[in-house]
Each structure stands twice: as C-alpha cells, then as structure tokens.
C-alpha cells in the first residue's frame, strides 16, 4: 500500500514537474508577442523617413523686365512627363493690378512640386535646373491650401499676388489660416475658385530683404473669373460688418505682417 501511494505521489509529482516545465516554456515564449509588436512597429520606423518624402515646392519666375527662355515651359513640363516632378504649372502674365505701390509681377512663372526633398535636391544640382540669369528659383513652403476636384490647371485663370513678409514662418502660417482661409473659402465654396495656395519662401530672393509670399489662386474659367467681384466684395463687407471681429482685426494688422506689391493675372502657357 505504501509503495502504491509512493508510486502515485511520484506520478503526481511528475505531472506537476511537467506542468511547471510547460509554464516555464510558455513564459519563455512570452516575449514572442513583444517580438511581434516590434515587428508591427517596423512599419512605423520604416515610415519615419516619410518626412523626407514630403513634397518639395519650388517657384521659378522671370522678374519684370526679364524674359523667360523660349523653352522655359517645355523644359519644366518635361519634369512631369519623366516623373521627376509630381506637378508643374506654368503661366504667363497678361495683365496686372495698377495702383499705388503695385507693378508688374513676372513674364512667366512656374510652380513645381517634387515628390520629395531628395528629388528636388537632385534636380537642383543638375544642369536641367539652370535657366540662366533671368529666372529666379525659390524653394517655398505651403502655409495654406485648398484644391477642388474640379480644378483643371490648364483651363484656369490665375491671380497671383506677391507680398514681402515681416514675420516668422510660424506667424505667417497662422495669419494664412486665420485671415486668408476665411476670405478664400467663400470664393472656393461658391464654385468660381477651384484652388488657392499660399507659398512662403525659405529665403529672400529677387532683391527683397525678407522672404516673399505668393498667393496663387485659380478660377475655373474666364466666365467664373468675371464673377469674382460679385462674390468677393459682398462677403468681405460681411466680414467687416462686426460679425467676424478677429478677421476684421487682422485686416488692419496685416500691414504689419506683409507688404503688398503685386497682383498679376495670368493664363497657362500653351
């Protein structure tokens, strides 16, 4: 009897040991989920360079009194055709706003978007980026933008305004969001405007002491552009009527943030 009990005890003890071994093995395998988590985290780590893949925007233009090379548009559009650039818009000024402090803006102007900073740097260091002394090339950043599904850059009428900025990029971005967005959104939602973008230079160019900003707006076509005043003016009056005090304040304070000196009307270069 005693021998049988001892035998049973040994069996039970053996089972316990086996269970402990299984638990131990299970514990040893526990880090596997951590490994899986590490594996799951890999896409995040791999996505980290996404910042480097952020599009790089460049504006090229020939200043007043200068003329862009005859192949200016052709060479830039070739960048889109061969995949170097993700977007290219080239326009030619046909008229400009005439009032105190204003003047012509450019002969031709191009907005080029590269898929990444690396793509831009590679282009910049190549002979393809050399357009001669009559073309200014400026690296710019977007401070605000809205694009309609109906936007067709090849059919748009462009209004391009230039400003010399007096505040930091961060302050100008806030200004763009708080002042430019409400003003542009009315025209955008009315359907006459299919795109607007505010670009800010990283460094001053073209003889200015401070970086310039470009507000590039696109109207769907000539007929919609002709409706601009009838849509814009009543809404601006509303914004100034007391219903939007912050916007009204910025409408006065904006002179401390930038100096207006050009408003150009342009069409796509065929």
C-alpha atoms as a PDB file:
ATOM      1  CA  UNK A   1       0.000   0.000   0.000  1.00  0.00           C
ATOM      2  CA  UNK A   2       2.712   2.367   0.967  1.00  0.00           C
ATOM      3  CA  UNK A   3       4.572   1.506  -2.199  1.00  0.00           C
ATOM      4  CA  UNK A   4       1.461   2.219  -4.271  1.00  0.00           C
ATOM      5  CA  UNK A   5       0.995   5.617  -2.570  1.00  0.00           C
ATOM      6  CA  UNK A   6       4.613   6.440  -3.155  1.00  0.00           C
ATOM      7  CA  UNK A   7       4.199   5.446  -6.775  1.00  0.00           C
ATOM      8  CA  UNK A   8       1.128   7.648  -7.106  1.00  0.00           C
ATOM      9  CA  UNK A   9       2.972  10.531  -5.422  1.00  0.00           C
ATOM     10  CA  UNK A  10       5.813  10.123  -7.826  1.00  0.00           C
ATOM     11  CA  UNK A  11       3.358  10.201 -10.727  1.00  0.00           C
ATOM     12  CA  UNK A  12       1.648  13.328  -9.382  1.00  0.00           C
ATOM     13  CA  UNK A  13       4.989  14.984  -8.744  1.00  0.00           C
ATOM     14  CA  UNK A  14       5.989  14.088 -12.280  1.00  0.00           C
ATOM     15  CA  UNK A  15       2.817  15.679 -13.628  1.00  0.00           C
ATOM     16  CA  UNK A  16       3.474  18.806 -11.559  1.00  0.00           C
ATOM     17  CA  UNK A  17       7.000  18.996 -12.909  1.00  0.00           C
ATOM     18  CA  UNK A  18       5.686  18.579 -16.434  1.00  0.00           C
ATOM     19  CA  UNK A  19       3.171  21.378 -15.872  1.00  0.00           C
ATOM     20  CA  UNK A  20       5.859  23.612 -14.416  1.00  0.00           C
ATOM     21  CA  UNK A  21       8.011  22.854 -17.403  1.00  0.00           C
ATOM     22  CA  UNK A  22       5.157  23.764 -19.740  1.00  0.00           C
ATOM     23  CA  UNK A  23       4.583  27.008 -17.843  1.00  0.00           C
ATOM     24  CA  UNK A  24       8.285  27.749 -17.999  1.00  0.00           C
ATOM     25  CA  UNK A  25       8.266  27.087 -21.707  1.00  0.00           C
ATOM     26  CA  UNK A  26       5.218  29.263 -22.027  1.00  0.00           C
ATOM     27  CA  UNK A  27       6.974  32.037 -20.152  1.00  0.00           C
ATOM     28  CA  UNK A  28      10.000  31.672 -22.354  1.00  0.00           C
ATOM     29  CA  UNK A  29       7.719  32.049 -25.330  1.00  0.00           C
ATOM     30  CA  UNK A  30       6.067  35.124 -23.847  1.00  0.00           C
ATOM     31  CA  UNK A  31       8.489  37.557 -25.437  1.00  0.00           C
ATOM     32  CA  UNK A  32       7.200  36.404 -28.833  1.00  0.00           C
ATOM     33  CA  UNK A  33       4.337  38.938 -28.759  1.00  0.00           C
ATOM     34  CA  UNK A  34       6.892  41.616 -27.916  1.00  0.00           C
ATOM     35  CA  UNK A  35       8.776  40.488 -30.986  1.00  0.00           C
ATOM     36  CA  UNK A  36       5.556  40.684 -32.958  1.00  0.00           C
ATOM     37  CA  UNK A  37       4.942  44.125 -31.531  1.00  0.00           C
ATOM     38  CA  UNK A  38       8.432  45.051 -32.559  1.00  0.00           C
ATOM     39  CA  UNK A  39       7.647  43.702 -35.987  1.00  0.00           C
ATOM     40  CA  UNK A  40       4.397  45.663 -36.043  1.00  0.00           C
ATOM     41  CA  UNK A  41       6.340  48.746 -35.076  1.00  0.00           C
ATOM     42  CA  UNK A  42       8.664  48.287 -38.003  1.00  0.00           C
ATOM     43  CA  UNK A  43       6.285  49.939 -40.481  1.00  0.00           C
ATOM     44  CA  UNK A  44       6.230  52.984 -38.180  1.00  0.00           C
ATOM     45  CA  UNK A  45      10.003  53.009 -38.056  1.00  0.00           C
ATOM     46  CA  UNK A  46      10.109  52.476 -41.794  1.00  0.00           C
ATOM     47  CA  UNK A  47       7.582  55.277 -42.216  1.00  0.00           C
ATOM     48  CA  UNK A  48       9.786  57.668 -40.260  1.00  0.00           C
ATOM     49  CA  UNK A  49      11.574  58.750 -43.441  1.00  0.00           C
ATOM     50  CA  UNK A  50       8.152  59.833 -44.680  1.00  0.00           C
ATOM     51  CA  UNK A  51       9.150  63.316 -43.539  1.00  0.00           C
ATOM     52  CA  UNK A  52      11.866  63.158 -46.161  1.00  0.00           C
ATOM     53  CA  UNK A  53       9.201  62.185 -48.677  1.00  0.00           C
ATOM     54  CA  UNK A  54       7.163  65.308 -48.024  1.00  0.00           C
ATOM     55  CA  UNK A  55       6.687  67.147 -51.334  1.00  0.00           C
ATOM     56  CA  UNK A  56       9.117  69.981 -52.063  1.00  0.00           C
ATOM     57  CA  UNK A  57       7.665  73.060 -53.771  1.00  0.00           C
ATOM     58  CA  UNK A  58       9.609  75.462 -55.973  1.00  0.00           C
ATOM     59  CA  UNK A  59       8.556  78.652 -57.735  1.00  0.00           C
ATOM     60  CA  UNK A  60      10.529  79.871 -60.729  1.00  0.00           C
ATOM     61  CA  UNK A  61       9.850  83.186 -62.419  1.00  0.00           C
ATOM     62  CA  UNK A  62      11.376  85.816 -64.631  1.00  0.00           C
ATOM     63  CA  UNK A  63      11.118  89.210 -62.868  1.00  0.00           C
ATOM     64  CA  UNK A  64       9.715  92.359 -64.512  1.00  0.00           C
ATOM     65  CA  UNK A  65      11.953  93.478 -67.330  1.00  0.00           C
ATOM     66  CA  UNK A  66      13.332  89.967 -67.826  1.00  0.00           C
ATOM     67  CA  UNK A  67      12.160  87.315 -70.252  1.00  0.00           C
ATOM     68  CA  UNK A  68      11.994  83.610 -69.601  1.00  0.00           C
ATOM     69  CA  UNK A  69      13.879  81.352 -72.028  1.00  0.00           C
ATOM     70  CA  UNK A  70      11.853  80.203 -75.012  1.00  0.00           C
ATOM     71  CA  UNK A  71      11.907  76.615 -73.748  1.00  0.00           C
ATOM     72  CA  UNK A  72      11.038  77.527 -70.137  1.00  0.00           C
ATOM     73  CA  UNK A  73       7.627  75.829 -70.077  1.00  0.00           C
ATOM     74  CA  UNK A  74       8.710  72.916 -72.223  1.00  0.00           C
ATOM     75  CA  UNK A  75      11.668  72.023 -70.015  1.00  0.00           C
ATOM     76  CA  UNK A  76       9.650  72.254 -66.831  1.00  0.00           C
ATOM     77  CA  UNK A  77       6.756  70.209 -68.155  1.00  0.00           C
ATOM     78  CA  UNK A  78       9.267  67.567 -69.174  1.00  0.00           C
ATOM     79  CA  UNK A  79       9.924  67.080 -65.452  1.00  0.00           C
ATOM     80  CA  UNK A  80       6.314  65.988 -65.020  1.00  0.00           C
ATOM     81  CA  UNK A  81       6.435  63.773 -68.095  1.00  0.00           C
ATOM     82  CA  UNK A  82       9.508  61.863 -66.934  1.00  0.00           C
ATOM     83  CA  UNK A  83       8.317  61.571 -63.327  1.00  0.00           C
ATOM     84  CA  UNK A  84      10.918  63.894 -61.794  1.00  0.00           C
ATOM     85  CA  UNK A  85       8.160  66.277 -60.646  1.00  0.00           C
ATOM     86  CA  UNK A  86       4.677  65.357 -59.477  1.00  0.00           C
ATOM     87  CA  UNK A  87       3.096  68.629 -60.611  1.00  0.00           C
ATOM     88  CA  UNK A  88       4.046  71.513 -62.914  1.00  0.00           C
ATOM     89  CA  UNK A  89       2.036  74.665 -63.623  1.00  0.00           C
ATOM     90  CA  UNK A  90       3.437  77.336 -65.948  1.00  0.00           C
ATOM     91  CA  UNK A  91       1.652  80.635 -66.540  1.00  0.00           C
ATOM     92  CA  UNK A  92       2.267  83.924 -68.342  1.00  0.00           C
ATOM     93  CA  UNK A  93       1.170  87.313 -67.039  1.00  0.00           C
ATOM     94  CA  UNK A  94      -1.251  89.115 -69.345  1.00  0.00           C
ATOM     95  CA  UNK A  95      -2.222  91.966 -67.024  1.00  0.00           C
ATOM     96  CA  UNK A  96      -1.567  93.286 -63.523  1.00  0.00           C
ATOM     97  CA  UNK A  97      -3.330  95.436 -60.960  1.00  0.00           C
ATOM     98  CA  UNK A  98      -2.440  99.095 -61.334  1.00  0.00           C
ATOM     99  CA  UNK A  99      -2.485 101.052 -58.083  1.00  0.00           C
ATOM    100  CA  UNK A 100      -0.094 102.810 -55.733  1.00  0.00           C
ATOM    101  CA  UNK A 101       2.862 100.643 -54.781  1.00  0.00           C
ATOM    102  CA  UNK A 102       1.994  97.973 -57.324  1.00  0.00           C
ATOM    103  CA  UNK A 103       3.710  96.957 -60.525  1.00  0.00           C
ATOM    104  CA  UNK A 104       4.182  94.027 -62.924  1.00  0.00           C
ATOM    105  CA  UNK A 105       4.993  90.686 -61.356  1.00  0.00           C
ATOM    106  CA  UNK A 106       6.710  88.471 -63.904  1.00  0.00           C
ATOM    107  CA  UNK A 107       6.992  87.432 -67.508  1.00  0.00           C
ATOM    108  CA  UNK A 108       6.391  83.728 -66.903  1.00  0.00           C
ATOM    109  CA  UNK A 109       6.042  81.890 -63.598  1.00  0.00           C
ATOM    110  CA  UNK A 110       6.083  78.200 -62.774  1.00  0.00           C
ATOM    111  CA  UNK A 111       5.065  76.279 -59.679  1.00  0.00           C
ATOM    112  CA  UNK A 112       6.763  72.895 -59.493  1.00  0.00           C
ATOM    113  CA  UNK A 113       6.096  70.202 -56.905  1.00  0.00           C
ATOM    114  CA  UNK A 114       8.685  67.483 -56.421  1.00  0.00           C
ATOM    115  CA  UNK A 115       7.680  64.243 -54.691  1.00  0.00           C
ATOM    116  CA  UNK A 116      10.419  64.632 -52.074  1.00  0.00           C
ATOM    117  CA  UNK A 117      13.221  66.875 -50.897  1.00  0.00           C
ATOM    118  CA  UNK A 118      15.708  64.385 -52.323  1.00  0.00           C
ATOM    119  CA  UNK A 119      14.085  64.619 -55.756  1.00  0.00           C
ATOM    120  CA  UNK A 120      14.274  68.408 -55.590  1.00  0.00           C
ATOM    121  CA  UNK A 121      17.926  68.402 -54.494  1.00  0.00           C
ATOM    122  CA  UNK A 122      18.843  66.014 -57.284  1.00  0.00           C
ATOM    123  CA  UNK A 123      17.155  68.256 -59.843  1.00  0.00           C
ATOM    124  CA  UNK A 124      18.631  71.408 -58.321  1.00  0.00           C
ATOM    125  CA  UNK A 125      22.167  70.064 -58.687  1.00  0.00           C
ATOM    126  CA  UNK A 126      21.635  69.048 -62.312  1.00  0.00           C
ATOM    127  CA  UNK A 127      22.089  71.129 -65.496  1.00  0.00           C
ATOM    128  CA  UNK A 128      18.315  70.887 -66.014  1.00  0.00           C
ATOM    129  CA  UNK A 129      17.808  73.424 -63.199  1.00  0.00           C
ATOM    130  CA  UNK A 130      19.862  76.137 -64.914  1.00  0.00           C
ATOM    131  CA  UNK A 131      17.583  78.590 -66.714  1.00  0.00           C
ATOM    132  CA  UNK A 132      20.060  81.423 -66.871  1.00  0.00           C
ATOM    133  CA  UNK A 133      20.289  84.776 -65.049  1.00  0.00           C
ATOM    134  CA  UNK A 134      16.795  85.937 -65.998  1.00  0.00           C
ATOM    135  CA  UNK A 135      14.995  83.286 -63.960  1.00  0.00           C
ATOM    136  CA  UNK A 136      14.727  83.266 -60.162  1.00  0.00           C
ATOM    137  CA  UNK A 137      14.347  79.887 -58.486  1.00  0.00           C
ATOM    138  CA  UNK A 138      12.965  79.831 -54.950  1.00  0.00           C
ATOM    139  CA  UNK A 139      12.277  76.959 -52.551  1.00  0.00           C
ATOM    140  CA  UNK A 140       8.897  77.628 -50.964  1.00  0.00           C
ATOM    141  CA  UNK A 141       6.629  76.056 -48.367  1.00  0.00           C
ATOM    142  CA  UNK A 142       2.837  75.872 -48.339  1.00  0.00           C
ATOM    143  CA  UNK A 143       1.210  77.778 -45.466  1.00  0.00           C
ATOM    144  CA  UNK A 144      -2.374  77.025 -46.534  1.00  0.00           C
ATOM    145  CA  UNK A 145      -4.014  75.332 -49.491  1.00  0.00           C
ATOM    146  CA  UNK A 146      -7.310  74.029 -50.808  1.00  0.00           C
ATOM    147  CA  UNK A 147      -7.866  72.175 -54.092  1.00  0.00           C
ATOM    148  CA  UNK A 148     -11.224  71.281 -55.621  1.00  0.00           C
ATOM    149  CA  UNK A 149     -11.830  68.042 -57.514  1.00  0.00           C
ATOM    150  CA  UNK A 150     -12.951  70.301 -60.363  1.00  0.00           C
ATOM    151  CA  UNK A 151      -9.590  72.025 -60.575  1.00  0.00           C
ATOM    152  CA  UNK A 152      -8.084  71.952 -64.067  1.00  0.00           C
ATOM    153  CA  UNK A 153      -4.806  73.904 -64.108  1.00  0.00           C
ATOM    154  CA  UNK A 154      -4.768  74.003 -67.908  1.00  0.00           C
ATOM    155  CA  UNK A 155      -8.122  75.813 -68.031  1.00  0.00           C
ATOM    156  CA  UNK A 156      -7.738  78.098 -65.014  1.00  0.00           C
ATOM    157  CA  UNK A 157      -7.443  81.848 -64.917  1.00  0.00           C
ATOM    158  CA  UNK A 158      -4.724  82.647 -62.376  1.00  0.00           C
ATOM    159  CA  UNK A 159      -4.465  85.543 -59.959  1.00  0.00           C
ATOM    160  CA  UNK A 160      -1.040  85.632 -58.317  1.00  0.00           C
ATOM    161  CA  UNK A 161      -0.321  88.129 -55.554  1.00  0.00           C
ATOM    162  CA  UNK A 162       3.123  88.776 -54.128  1.00  0.00           C
ATOM    163  CA  UNK A 163       3.968  90.093 -50.659  1.00  0.00           C
ATOM    164  CA  UNK A 164       7.115  90.854 -48.701  1.00  0.00           C
ATOM    165  CA  UNK A 165       6.707  89.255 -45.264  1.00  0.00           C
ATOM    166  CA  UNK A 166       7.763  90.813 -41.950  1.00  0.00           C
ATOM    167  CA  UNK A 167       7.060  87.943 -39.521  1.00  0.00           C
ATOM    168  CA  UNK A 168       8.369  84.441 -38.843  1.00  0.00           C
ATOM    169  CA  UNK A 169       7.198  81.486 -40.952  1.00  0.00           C
ATOM    170  CA  UNK A 170       5.169  80.223 -37.996  1.00  0.00           C
ATOM    171  CA  UNK A 171       3.413  83.568 -37.580  1.00  0.00           C
ATOM    172  CA  UNK A 172       2.753  83.824 -41.300  1.00  0.00           C
ATOM    173  CA  UNK A 173       1.201  80.367 -41.319  1.00  0.00           C
ATOM    174  CA  UNK A 174      -1.176  81.358 -38.516  1.00  0.00           C
ATOM    175  CA  UNK A 175      -2.038  84.534 -40.401  1.00  0.00           C
ATOM    176  CA  UNK A 176      -2.709  82.491 -43.557  1.00  0.00           C
ATOM    177  CA  UNK A 177      -5.060  80.160 -41.703  1.00  0.00           C
ATOM    178  CA  UNK A 178      -6.895  82.878 -39.774  1.00  0.00           C
ATOM    179  CA  UNK A 179      -7.148  85.529 -42.479  1.00  0.00           C
ATOM    180  CA  UNK A 180      -6.570  84.022 -45.930  1.00  0.00           C
ATOM    181  CA  UNK A 181      -8.670  80.881 -45.437  1.00  0.00           C
ATOM    182  CA  UNK A 182     -11.930  82.639 -44.490  1.00  0.00           C
ATOM    183  CA  UNK A 183     -11.502  85.090 -47.363  1.00  0.00           C
ATOM    184  CA  UNK A 184     -10.679  82.477 -49.996  1.00  0.00           C
ATOM    185  CA  UNK A 185     -13.110  79.821 -48.784  1.00  0.00           C
ATOM    186  CA  UNK A 186     -16.104  81.941 -49.749  1.00  0.00           C
ATOM    187  CA  UNK A 187     -14.949  82.116 -53.360  1.00  0.00           C
ATOM    188  CA  UNK A 188     -13.937  78.463 -53.230  1.00  0.00           C
ATOM    189  CA  UNK A 189     -17.337  77.285 -51.977  1.00  0.00           C
ATOM    190  CA  UNK A 190     -19.130  79.484 -54.493  1.00  0.00           C
ATOM    191  CA  UNK A 191     -17.518  77.401 -57.232  1.00  0.00           C
ATOM    192  CA  UNK A 192     -15.727  80.203 -59.025  1.00  0.00           C
ATOM    193  CA  UNK A 193     -12.339  79.376 -57.455  1.00  0.00           C
ATOM    194  CA  UNK A 194     -11.037  75.827 -57.747  1.00  0.00           C
ATOM    195  CA  UNK A 195      -7.749  76.193 -55.937  1.00  0.00           C
ATOM    196  CA  UNK A 196      -5.789  78.535 -53.717  1.00  0.00           C
ATOM    197  CA  UNK A 197      -2.344  78.134 -52.207  1.00  0.00           C
ATOM    198  CA  UNK A 198      -0.180  80.445 -50.145  1.00  0.00           C
ATOM    199  CA  UNK A 199       3.539  79.809 -50.648  1.00  0.00           C
ATOM    200  CA  UNK A 200       6.271  81.272 -48.451  1.00  0.00           C
ATOM    201  CA  UNK A 201       9.920  81.498 -49.451  1.00  0.00           C
ATOM    202  CA  UNK A 202      12.547  79.955 -47.222  1.00  0.00           C
ATOM    203  CA  UNK A 203      14.990  82.709 -48.146  1.00  0.00           C
ATOM    204  CA  UNK A 204      14.545  86.172 -49.619  1.00  0.00           C
ATOM    205  CA  UNK A 205      15.044  86.435 -53.381  1.00  0.00           C
ATOM    206  CA  UNK A 206      14.640  88.927 -56.162  1.00  0.00           C
ATOM    207  CA  UNK A 207      16.160  91.855 -54.303  1.00  0.00           C
ATOM    208  CA  UNK A 208      13.822  91.783 -51.286  1.00  0.00           C
ATOM    209  CA  UNK A 209      15.195  91.990 -47.750  1.00  0.00           C
ATOM    210  CA  UNK A 210      12.643  89.498 -46.430  1.00  0.00           C
ATOM    211  CA  UNK A 211      11.086  86.323 -47.837  1.00  0.00           C
ATOM    212  CA  UNK A 212       8.220  86.881 -50.204  1.00  0.00           C
ATOM    213  CA  UNK A 213       4.899  85.088 -50.193  1.00  0.00           C
ATOM    214  CA  UNK A 214       2.919  84.104 -53.266  1.00  0.00           C
ATOM    215  CA  UNK A 215      -0.835  83.678 -53.119  1.00  0.00           C
ATOM    216  CA  UNK A 216      -1.712  81.609 -56.195  1.00  0.00           C
ATOM    217  CA  UNK A 217      -5.439  81.386 -56.888  1.00  0.00           C
ATOM    218  CA  UNK A 218      -7.143  79.596 -59.761  1.00  0.00           C
ATOM    219  CA  UNK A 219     -10.574  80.442 -61.160  1.00  0.00           C
ATOM    220  CA  UNK A 220     -12.360  77.706 -63.090  1.00  0.00           C
ATOM    221  CA  UNK A 221     -12.510  79.648 -66.356  1.00  0.00           C
ATOM    222  CA  UNK A 222     -12.959  83.145 -67.744  1.00  0.00           C
ATOM    223  CA  UNK A 223     -16.692  83.242 -67.011  1.00  0.00           C
ATOM    224  CA  UNK A 224     -16.173  82.316 -63.358  1.00  0.00           C
ATOM    225  CA  UNK A 225     -13.303  84.763 -63.026  1.00  0.00           C
ATOM    226  CA  UNK A 226     -15.609  87.509 -64.315  1.00  0.00           C
ATOM    227  CA  UNK A 227     -17.871  86.796 -61.308  1.00  0.00           C
ATOM    228  CA  UNK A 228     -15.052  87.388 -58.831  1.00  0.00           C
ATOM    229  CA  UNK A 229     -16.050  90.880 -57.666  1.00  0.00           C
ATOM    230  CA  UNK A 230     -19.733  89.954 -57.255  1.00  0.00           C
ATOM    231  CA  UNK A 231     -18.768  87.064 -54.964  1.00  0.00           C
ATOM    232  CA  UNK A 232     -15.786  88.525 -53.108  1.00  0.00           C
ATOM    233  CA  UNK A 233     -16.924  92.085 -52.341  1.00  0.00           C
ATOM    234  CA  UNK A 234     -20.240  91.362 -50.520  1.00  0.00           C
ATOM    235  CA  UNK A 235     -18.582  88.686 -48.401  1.00  0.00           C
ATOM    236  CA  UNK A 236     -15.702  90.960 -47.436  1.00  0.00           C
ATOM    237  CA  UNK A 237     -18.252  93.573 -46.411  1.00  0.00           C
ATOM    238  CA  UNK A 238     -19.897  90.922 -44.232  1.00  0.00           C
ATOM    239  CA  UNK A 239     -16.588  90.006 -42.593  1.00  0.00           C
ATOM    240  CA  UNK A 240     -16.015  93.666 -41.798  1.00  0.00           C
ATOM    241  CA  UNK A 241     -19.568  94.272 -40.535  1.00  0.00           C
ATOM    242  CA  UNK A 242     -18.803  93.221 -36.969  1.00  0.00           C
ATOM    243  CA  UNK A 243     -19.752  89.565 -37.265  1.00  0.00           C
ATOM    244  CA  UNK A 244     -16.105  88.471 -37.526  1.00  0.00           C
ATOM    245  CA  UNK A 245     -14.077  90.793 -35.241  1.00  0.00           C
ATOM    246  CA  UNK A 246     -10.903  88.686 -35.372  1.00  0.00           C
ATOM    247  CA  UNK A 247     -10.867  88.771 -39.164  1.00  0.00           C
ATOM    248  CA  UNK A 248     -11.546  92.498 -39.125  1.00  0.00           C
ATOM    249  CA  UNK A 249      -8.646  92.986 -36.721  1.00  0.00           C
ATOM    250  CA  UNK A 250      -6.309  91.012 -38.970  1.00  0.00           C
ATOM    251  CA  UNK A 251      -7.477  93.042 -41.941  1.00  0.00           C
ATOM    252  CA  UNK A 252      -5.904  96.052 -40.231  1.00  0.00           C
ATOM    253  CA  UNK A 253      -2.953  94.266 -38.620  1.00  0.00           C
ATOM    254  CA  UNK A 254      -1.943  92.543 -41.860  1.00  0.00           C
ATOM    255  CA  UNK A 255       0.087  95.588 -42.858  1.00  0.00           C
ATOM    256  CA  UNK A 256       2.443  94.714 -40.027  1.00  0.00           C
ATOM    257  CA  UNK A 257       2.820  91.200 -41.392  1.00  0.00           C
ATOM    258  CA  UNK A 258       3.382  91.795 -45.070  1.00  0.00           C
ATOM    259  CA  UNK A 259       3.645  94.415 -47.782  1.00  0.00           C
ATOM    260  CA  UNK A 260       1.534  94.006 -50.918  1.00  0.00           C
ATOM    261  CA  UNK A 261       3.310  94.974 -54.123  1.00  0.00           C
ATOM    262  CA  UNK A 262       1.846  92.938 -56.960  1.00  0.00           C
ATOM    263  CA  UNK A 263      -1.319  91.262 -58.220  1.00  0.00           C
ATOM    264  CA  UNK A 264      -0.869  89.548 -61.571  1.00  0.00           C
ATOM    265  CA  UNK A 265      -3.437  87.992 -63.885  1.00  0.00           C
ATOM    266  CA  UNK A 266      -2.096  85.060 -65.821  1.00  0.00           C
ATOM    267  CA  UNK A 267      -3.070  82.215 -68.118  1.00  0.00           C
ATOM    268  CA  UNK A 268      -1.480  78.798 -68.654  1.00  0.00           C
ATOM    269  CA  UNK A 269       1.313  78.745 -71.192  1.00  0.00           C
ATOM    270  CA  UNK A 270       0.029  76.614 -74.096  1.00  0.00           C
END
